[in-house]
Amino acid sequence: MRLKILFVLLVISPASSAWLALPAFWQSGNTPGQAAYTAVGSYTFVVPVGITNISVVAIGGGGSGIQFGGTVCGGGGGALSYKNGITVTPGQHITVSVGAAGAPSLFGGFLNTGGGAPGSSVSSPGGAKDGTATGGGNGGAGSCGFGGSWPGGSAGLYTGTGAVGGGTGTGIKGPGSSPTYGAGGTSIYSGSPTPGVSGAVRIIWGPGRSFPSTNVTDM
C-alpha cells in the first residue's frame, strides 16, 4: 500500500509536471478548426482558447445587372482577398460582415474586400481587393451591349482578377471549391436583370493551414 501511495504522489507532484505534459495534438492551440459566414449580415467571431494565429478569406458581393435604355450591362464581380498569419488573442471578439449584392465583406479591421458595382450605361467595374491582403484578386467587370443577355463579371480569384463577363463565383474553401460567391448579376434586354450573388467570409486556424490551398478543407 505504501508503494502505491508514493507512486501517486510522484505523478501529481509539481516537481514531476513534465510527466503530465499533454501530447501536442491535445493542446487547444494545435487543434484545427474553421468558421464560415455565408449569409448576409454582421456577426461576432470569438477567437478560440489557445489560438493566436488565423487565416481569413473574404469575398465581396457581386453587383446587380441593369437595363439602361437599349443598353444592358451585367454587374461587376465581388473581389476576393485572403490574409494569412493574422495575430489574434484567445477570447478576442472580431466583427465579421458578409456583403449583400454589391457590398463589401469585412473582417474587423484586418480585411476589407470590395463588392462589385451595379451595372450602368457605361461600365460595371468589379470590386477591389484589400491592399493589405496576402493575395486574391479584383472582381471582373460586367459585360455590356445592346439587346440580348449580358453576364456579370466573375468574382475575384485566389490568383488574380475575375473574368470580364464571366458570370461565375469563387468558393471559400480554396480554388475550385463550391458553393461559390460574389458573381455579378446578368442583365437581359427582354427581361428583368438578376441581382449579384452575395459575399462570404471564412476563417481557419491550426498548424500548417493557409490560403489559398494548404489544408484549407474542413478539419
C-alpha atoms as a PDB file:
ATOM      1  CA  MET A   1       0.000   0.000   0.000  1.00  0.00           C
ATOM      2  CA  ARG A   2       2.859   2.389   0.809  1.00  0.00           C
ATOM      3  CA  LEU A   3       4.374   1.880  -2.633  1.00  0.00           C
ATOM      4  CA  LYS A   4       1.055   2.730  -4.329  1.00  0.00           C
ATOM      5  CA  ILE A   5       0.714   5.953  -2.374  1.00  0.00           C
ATOM      6  CA  LEU A   6       4.242   7.022  -3.181  1.00  0.00           C
ATOM      7  CA  PHE A   7       3.653   6.381  -6.875  1.00  0.00           C
ATOM      8  CA  VAL A   8       0.527   8.561  -6.948  1.00  0.00           C
ATOM      9  CA  LEU A   9       2.325  11.365  -5.130  1.00  0.00           C
ATOM     10  CA  LEU A  10       5.159  11.171  -7.625  1.00  0.00           C
ATOM     11  CA  VAL A  11       2.824  11.525 -10.588  1.00  0.00           C
ATOM     12  CA  ILE A  12       0.911  14.516  -9.243  1.00  0.00           C
ATOM     13  CA  SER A  13       3.903  16.264  -7.707  1.00  0.00           C
ATOM     14  CA  PRO A  14       4.708  19.700  -9.274  1.00  0.00           C
ATOM     15  CA  ALA A  15       8.290  18.567  -9.465  1.00  0.00           C
ATOM     16  CA  SER A  16       7.148  15.880 -11.878  1.00  0.00           C
ATOM     17  CA  SER A  17       4.995  18.133 -14.056  1.00  0.00           C
ATOM     18  CA  ALA A  18       6.957  17.124 -17.162  1.00  0.00           C
ATOM     19  CA  TRP A  19       5.461  13.689 -16.765  1.00  0.00           C
ATOM     20  CA  LEU A  20       1.987  15.196 -17.151  1.00  0.00           C
ATOM     21  CA  ALA A  21       2.565  17.192 -20.367  1.00  0.00           C
ATOM     22  CA  LEU A  22      -0.248  16.573 -22.828  1.00  0.00           C
ATOM     23  CA  PRO A  23       0.577  15.335 -26.324  1.00  0.00           C
ATOM     24  CA  ALA A  24       0.754  18.185 -28.893  1.00  0.00           C
ATOM     25  CA  PHE A  25      -2.451  17.113 -30.625  1.00  0.00           C
ATOM     26  CA  TRP A  26      -4.392  17.511 -27.335  1.00  0.00           C
ATOM     27  CA  GLN A  27      -3.371  21.093 -26.831  1.00  0.00           C
ATOM     28  CA  SER A  28      -6.069  23.545 -27.922  1.00  0.00           C
ATOM     29  CA  GLY A  29      -3.611  25.782 -29.779  1.00  0.00           C
ATOM     30  CA  ASN A  30      -2.843  22.926 -32.144  1.00  0.00           C
ATOM     31  CA  THR A  31      -6.426  21.878 -32.776  1.00  0.00           C
ATOM     32  CA  PRO A  32      -7.523  22.839 -36.311  1.00  0.00           C
ATOM     33  CA  GLY A  33     -10.878  24.470 -36.871  1.00  0.00           C
ATOM     34  CA  GLN A  34     -12.804  26.849 -39.082  1.00  0.00           C
ATOM     35  CA  ALA A  35     -15.790  29.177 -39.163  1.00  0.00           C
ATOM     36  CA  ALA A  36     -17.757  30.173 -42.259  1.00  0.00           C
ATOM     37  CA  TYR A  37     -20.200  33.055 -42.671  1.00  0.00           C
ATOM     38  CA  THR A  38     -22.268  32.818 -45.843  1.00  0.00           C
ATOM     39  CA  ALA A  39     -25.498  34.670 -45.078  1.00  0.00           C
ATOM     40  CA  VAL A  40     -25.659  38.448 -45.430  1.00  0.00           C
ATOM     41  CA  GLY A  41     -25.309  40.171 -42.081  1.00  0.00           C
ATOM     42  CA  SER A  42     -22.998  41.117 -39.232  1.00  0.00           C
ATOM     43  CA  TYR A  43     -21.513  38.576 -36.824  1.00  0.00           C
ATOM     44  CA  THR A  44     -19.029  38.313 -33.975  1.00  0.00           C
ATOM     45  CA  PHE A  45     -16.194  35.804 -34.205  1.00  0.00           C
ATOM     46  CA  VAL A  46     -14.711  34.863 -30.832  1.00  0.00           C
ATOM     47  CA  VAL A  47     -11.147  33.584 -31.067  1.00  0.00           C
ATOM     48  CA  PRO A  48     -10.999  30.067 -29.569  1.00  0.00           C
ATOM     49  CA  VAL A  49      -8.947  29.209 -26.499  1.00  0.00           C
ATOM     50  CA  GLY A  50      -5.280  28.730 -27.312  1.00  0.00           C
ATOM     51  CA  ILE A  51      -5.483  30.244 -30.803  1.00  0.00           C
ATOM     52  CA  THR A  52      -3.114  33.117 -31.585  1.00  0.00           C
ATOM     53  CA  ASN A  53      -2.924  32.923 -35.370  1.00  0.00           C
ATOM     54  CA  ILE A  54      -5.658  32.679 -38.012  1.00  0.00           C
ATOM     55  CA  SER A  55      -6.133  32.956 -41.777  1.00  0.00           C
ATOM     56  CA  VAL A  56      -9.138  34.579 -43.440  1.00  0.00           C
ATOM     57  CA  VAL A  57     -10.679  34.769 -46.909  1.00  0.00           C
ATOM     58  CA  ALA A  58     -13.414  37.281 -47.770  1.00  0.00           C
ATOM     59  CA  ILE A  59     -15.434  37.683 -50.969  1.00  0.00           C
ATOM     60  CA  GLY A  60     -17.473  40.810 -51.665  1.00  0.00           C
ATOM     61  CA  GLY A  61     -20.997  40.696 -53.052  1.00  0.00           C
ATOM     62  CA  GLY A  62     -21.447  40.840 -56.828  1.00  0.00           C
ATOM     63  CA  GLY A  63     -23.197  43.845 -58.354  1.00  0.00           C
ATOM     64  CA  SER A  64     -26.635  43.549 -59.938  1.00  0.00           C
ATOM     65  CA  GLY A  65     -27.314  43.763 -63.656  1.00  0.00           C
ATOM     66  CA  ILE A  66     -29.157  46.748 -65.120  1.00  0.00           C
ATOM     67  CA  GLN A  67     -31.003  47.918 -68.203  1.00  0.00           C
ATOM     68  CA  PHE A  68     -30.418  51.457 -69.413  1.00  0.00           C
ATOM     69  CA  GLY A  69     -32.479  52.179 -72.464  1.00  0.00           C
ATOM     70  CA  GLY A  70     -31.386  49.693 -75.083  1.00  0.00           C
ATOM     71  CA  THR A  71     -28.077  49.089 -73.325  1.00  0.00           C
ATOM     72  CA  VAL A  72     -27.806  46.236 -70.870  1.00  0.00           C
ATOM     73  CA  CYS A  73     -24.886  45.581 -68.535  1.00  0.00           C
ATOM     74  CA  GLY A  74     -24.114  42.837 -66.069  1.00  0.00           C
ATOM     75  CA  GLY A  75     -22.901  43.751 -62.598  1.00  0.00           C
ATOM     76  CA  GLY A  76     -19.284  43.669 -61.526  1.00  0.00           C
ATOM     77  CA  GLY A  77     -17.995  40.662 -59.601  1.00  0.00           C
ATOM     78  CA  GLY A  78     -17.060  40.948 -55.942  1.00  0.00           C
ATOM     79  CA  ALA A  79     -13.360  40.973 -55.064  1.00  0.00           C
ATOM     80  CA  LEU A  80     -11.594  38.181 -53.186  1.00  0.00           C
ATOM     81  CA  SER A  81      -8.990  38.906 -50.532  1.00  0.00           C
ATOM     82  CA  TYR A  82      -7.218  36.490 -48.243  1.00  0.00           C
ATOM     83  CA  LYS A  83      -4.737  37.093 -45.477  1.00  0.00           C
ATOM     84  CA  ASN A  84      -2.642  34.521 -43.647  1.00  0.00           C
ATOM     85  CA  GLY A  85      -0.910  34.818 -40.293  1.00  0.00           C
ATOM     86  CA  ILE A  86      -3.244  37.298 -38.610  1.00  0.00           C
ATOM     87  CA  THR A  87      -2.185  37.606 -34.971  1.00  0.00           C
ATOM     88  CA  VAL A  88      -5.090  37.365 -32.532  1.00  0.00           C
ATOM     89  CA  THR A  89      -5.703  36.842 -28.830  1.00  0.00           C
ATOM     90  CA  PRO A  90      -7.768  33.988 -27.367  1.00  0.00           C
ATOM     91  CA  GLY A  91     -11.206  35.315 -26.465  1.00  0.00           C
ATOM     92  CA  GLN A  92     -10.877  38.338 -28.770  1.00  0.00           C
ATOM     93  CA  HIS A  93     -14.145  39.484 -30.364  1.00  0.00           C
ATOM     94  CA  ILE A  94     -13.895  40.351 -34.072  1.00  0.00           C
ATOM     95  CA  THR A  95     -16.743  41.728 -36.184  1.00  0.00           C
ATOM     96  CA  VAL A  96     -17.476  39.873 -39.418  1.00  0.00           C
ATOM     97  CA  SER A  97     -19.689  41.434 -42.105  1.00  0.00           C
ATOM     98  CA  VAL A  98     -20.929  39.491 -45.120  1.00  0.00           C
ATOM     99  CA  GLY A  99     -21.729  41.781 -48.026  1.00  0.00           C
ATOM    100  CA  ALA A 100     -25.032  41.717 -49.867  1.00  0.00           C
ATOM    101  CA  ALA A 101     -25.077  42.166 -53.641  1.00  0.00           C
ATOM    102  CA  GLY A 102     -22.684  45.000 -54.458  1.00  0.00           C
ATOM    103  CA  ALA A 103     -21.484  45.437 -50.859  1.00  0.00           C
ATOM    104  CA  PRO A 104     -18.061  44.692 -49.326  1.00  0.00           C
ATOM    105  CA  SER A 105     -17.335  41.864 -46.898  1.00  0.00           C
ATOM    106  CA  LEU A 106     -15.296  42.775 -43.831  1.00  0.00           C
ATOM    107  CA  PHE A 107     -13.287  41.009 -41.155  1.00  0.00           C
ATOM    108  CA  GLY A 108     -12.783  43.503 -38.346  1.00  0.00           C
ATOM    109  CA  GLY A 109     -10.011  45.940 -39.233  1.00  0.00           C
ATOM    110  CA  PHE A 110      -7.956  43.176 -40.812  1.00  0.00           C
ATOM    111  CA  LEU A 111      -9.606  42.676 -44.194  1.00  0.00           C
ATOM    112  CA  ASN A 112     -11.965  44.728 -46.372  1.00  0.00           C
ATOM    113  CA  THR A 113     -12.817  43.267 -49.760  1.00  0.00           C
ATOM    114  CA  GLY A 114     -14.950  45.303 -52.164  1.00  0.00           C
ATOM    115  CA  GLY A 115     -18.298  44.442 -53.690  1.00  0.00           C
ATOM    116  CA  GLY A 116     -18.902  44.731 -57.422  1.00  0.00           C
ATOM    117  CA  ALA A 117     -20.573  47.837 -58.841  1.00  0.00           C
ATOM    118  CA  PRO A 118     -24.117  47.565 -60.226  1.00  0.00           C
ATOM    119  CA  GLY A 119     -24.418  47.711 -63.990  1.00  0.00           C
ATOM    120  CA  SER A 120     -24.579  51.138 -65.628  1.00  0.00           C
ATOM    121  CA  SER A 121     -24.783  52.606 -69.090  1.00  0.00           C
ATOM    122  CA  VAL A 122     -21.011  52.999 -69.161  1.00  0.00           C
ATOM    123  CA  SER A 123     -19.350  50.246 -67.175  1.00  0.00           C
ATOM    124  CA  SER A 124     -19.770  47.996 -64.162  1.00  0.00           C
ATOM    125  CA  PRO A 125     -16.362  47.511 -62.564  1.00  0.00           C
ATOM    126  CA  GLY A 126     -15.651  44.694 -60.161  1.00  0.00           C
ATOM    127  CA  GLY A 127     -14.823  45.206 -56.518  1.00  0.00           C
ATOM    128  CA  ALA A 128     -11.268  45.896 -55.368  1.00  0.00           C
ATOM    129  CA  LYS A 129      -9.318  43.511 -53.169  1.00  0.00           C
ATOM    130  CA  ASP A 130      -7.830  44.707 -49.889  1.00  0.00           C
ATOM    131  CA  GLY A 131      -4.448  46.346 -50.434  1.00  0.00           C
ATOM    132  CA  THR A 132      -3.031  44.691 -47.302  1.00  0.00           C
ATOM    133  CA  ALA A 133      -4.109  41.184 -48.288  1.00  0.00           C
ATOM    134  CA  THR A 134      -1.690  38.298 -48.718  1.00  0.00           C
ATOM    135  CA  GLY A 135      -3.354  37.531 -52.039  1.00  0.00           C
ATOM    136  CA  GLY A 136      -6.553  37.435 -54.073  1.00  0.00           C
ATOM    137  CA  GLY A 137      -7.897  39.499 -56.938  1.00  0.00           C
ATOM    138  CA  ASN A 138     -10.343  42.171 -58.015  1.00  0.00           C
ATOM    139  CA  GLY A 139     -13.744  41.217 -59.307  1.00  0.00           C
ATOM    140  CA  GLY A 140     -14.219  41.119 -63.069  1.00  0.00           C
ATOM    141  CA  ALA A 141     -16.201  43.850 -64.821  1.00  0.00           C
ATOM    142  CA  GLY A 142     -19.659  43.070 -66.118  1.00  0.00           C
ATOM    143  CA  SER A 143     -20.176  42.808 -69.859  1.00  0.00           C
ATOM    144  CA  CYS A 144     -22.273  45.410 -71.705  1.00  0.00           C
ATOM    145  CA  GLY A 145     -24.074  45.575 -75.025  1.00  0.00           C
ATOM    146  CA  PHE A 146     -27.216  46.471 -76.905  1.00  0.00           C
ATOM    147  CA  GLY A 147     -30.017  43.922 -76.586  1.00  0.00           C
ATOM    148  CA  GLY A 148     -29.557  40.286 -75.713  1.00  0.00           C
ATOM    149  CA  SER A 149     -28.234  38.891 -72.451  1.00  0.00           C
ATOM    150  CA  TRP A 150     -25.012  40.164 -70.844  1.00  0.00           C
ATOM    151  CA  PRO A 151     -23.495  38.348 -67.871  1.00  0.00           C
ATOM    152  CA  GLY A 152     -21.879  39.997 -64.906  1.00  0.00           C
ATOM    153  CA  GLY A 153     -18.225  39.770 -64.018  1.00  0.00           C
ATOM    154  CA  SER A 154     -16.727  36.820 -62.201  1.00  0.00           C
ATOM    155  CA  ALA A 155     -15.723  37.101 -58.569  1.00  0.00           C
ATOM    156  CA  GLY A 156     -12.061  37.680 -57.828  1.00  0.00           C
ATOM    157  CA  LEU A 157      -9.795  34.643 -57.875  1.00  0.00           C
ATOM    158  CA  TYR A 158      -7.200  33.454 -55.388  1.00  0.00           C
ATOM    159  CA  THR A 159      -4.598  34.181 -58.043  1.00  0.00           C
ATOM    160  CA  GLY A 160      -5.885  37.311 -59.783  1.00  0.00           C
ATOM    161  CA  THR A 161      -8.776  39.256 -61.280  1.00  0.00           C
ATOM    162  CA  GLY A 162     -12.046  37.563 -62.202  1.00  0.00           C
ATOM    163  CA  ALA A 163     -13.053  37.310 -65.843  1.00  0.00           C
ATOM    164  CA  VAL A 164     -14.890  40.169 -67.564  1.00  0.00           C
ATOM    165  CA  GLY A 165     -18.427  38.950 -68.173  1.00  0.00           C
ATOM    166  CA  GLY A 166     -17.503  35.543 -66.759  1.00  0.00           C
ATOM    167  CA  GLY A 167     -20.551  35.379 -64.517  1.00  0.00           C
ATOM    168  CA  THR A 168     -19.048  32.874 -62.067  1.00  0.00           C
ATOM    169  CA  GLY A 169     -18.381  32.978 -58.339  1.00  0.00           C
ATOM    170  CA  THR A 170     -15.484  31.694 -56.220  1.00  0.00           C
ATOM    171  CA  GLY A 171     -15.557  29.294 -53.270  1.00  0.00           C
ATOM    172  CA  ILE A 172     -14.198  29.980 -49.783  1.00  0.00           C
ATOM    173  CA  LYS A 173     -12.567  26.548 -49.358  1.00  0.00           C
ATOM    174  CA  GLY A 174      -9.824  27.202 -51.874  1.00  0.00           C
ATOM    175  CA  PRO A 175      -9.603  27.307 -55.685  1.00  0.00           C
ATOM    176  CA  GLY A 176     -12.270  25.253 -57.430  1.00  0.00           C
ATOM    177  CA  SER A 177     -14.374  24.756 -54.289  1.00  0.00           C
ATOM    178  CA  SER A 178     -18.130  25.145 -54.058  1.00  0.00           C
ATOM    179  CA  PRO A 179     -20.583  26.650 -53.347  1.00  0.00           C
ATOM    180  CA  THR A 180     -19.437  29.920 -54.860  1.00  0.00           C
ATOM    181  CA  TYR A 181     -19.994  33.579 -54.017  1.00  0.00           C
ATOM    182  CA  GLY A 182     -19.573  37.068 -55.441  1.00  0.00           C
ATOM    183  CA  ALA A 183     -20.674  36.648 -59.068  1.00  0.00           C
ATOM    184  CA  GLY A 184     -22.083  39.717 -60.798  1.00  0.00           C
ATOM    185  CA  GLY A 185     -25.706  39.605 -61.901  1.00  0.00           C
ATOM    186  CA  THR A 186     -26.815  39.169 -65.528  1.00  0.00           C
ATOM    187  CA  SER A 187     -28.746  41.797 -67.486  1.00  0.00           C
ATOM    188  CA  ILE A 188     -31.324  40.689 -70.032  1.00  0.00           C
ATOM    189  CA  TYR A 189     -32.787  43.075 -72.584  1.00  0.00           C
ATOM    190  CA  SER A 190     -36.089  41.223 -72.812  1.00  0.00           C
ATOM    191  CA  GLY A 191     -36.443  40.507 -69.109  1.00  0.00           C
ATOM    192  CA  SER A 192     -35.549  41.592 -65.607  1.00  0.00           C
ATOM    193  CA  PRO A 193     -31.871  41.838 -64.633  1.00  0.00           C
ATOM    194  CA  THR A 194     -30.696  39.446 -61.948  1.00  0.00           C
ATOM    195  CA  PRO A 195     -29.104  40.529 -58.674  1.00  0.00           C
ATOM    196  CA  GLY A 196     -25.497  39.692 -57.912  1.00  0.00           C
ATOM    197  CA  VAL A 197     -24.560  36.867 -55.581  1.00  0.00           C
ATOM    198  CA  SER A 198     -23.766  37.848 -52.010  1.00  0.00           C
ATOM    199  CA  GLY A 199     -20.313  37.519 -50.473  1.00  0.00           C
ATOM    200  CA  ALA A 200     -18.882  35.249 -47.790  1.00  0.00           C
ATOM    201  CA  VAL A 201     -16.149  35.081 -45.144  1.00  0.00           C
ATOM    202  CA  ARG A 202     -14.245  32.028 -43.875  1.00  0.00           C
ATOM    203  CA  ILE A 203     -11.710  31.738 -41.065  1.00  0.00           C
ATOM    204  CA  ILE A 204      -9.329  28.822 -40.500  1.00  0.00           C
ATOM    205  CA  TRP A 205      -6.813  28.019 -37.774  1.00  0.00           C
ATOM    206  CA  GLY A 206      -4.425  25.247 -36.795  1.00  0.00           C
ATOM    207  CA  PRO A 207      -0.858  24.249 -37.694  1.00  0.00           C
ATOM    208  CA  GLY A 208       0.099  24.155 -41.353  1.00  0.00           C
ATOM    209  CA  ARG A 209      -3.074  25.754 -42.722  1.00  0.00           C
ATOM    210  CA  SER A 210      -3.105  28.743 -45.079  1.00  0.00           C
ATOM    211  CA  PHE A 211      -4.883  30.094 -48.124  1.00  0.00           C
ATOM    212  CA  PRO A 212      -5.094  29.561 -50.977  1.00  0.00           C
ATOM    213  CA  SER A 213      -4.709  25.774 -50.836  1.00  0.00           C
ATOM    214  CA  THR A 214      -2.724  24.437 -47.873  1.00  0.00           C
ATOM    215  CA  ASN A 215      -5.026  22.261 -45.746  1.00  0.00           C
ATOM    216  CA  VAL A 216      -7.963  24.605 -46.328  1.00  0.00           C
ATOM    217  CA  THR A 217     -10.704  21.971 -46.399  1.00  0.00           C
ATOM    218  CA  ASP A 218     -12.768  21.497 -43.241  1.00  0.00           C
ATOM    219  CA  MET A 219     -10.853  19.696 -40.494  1.00  0.00           C
END
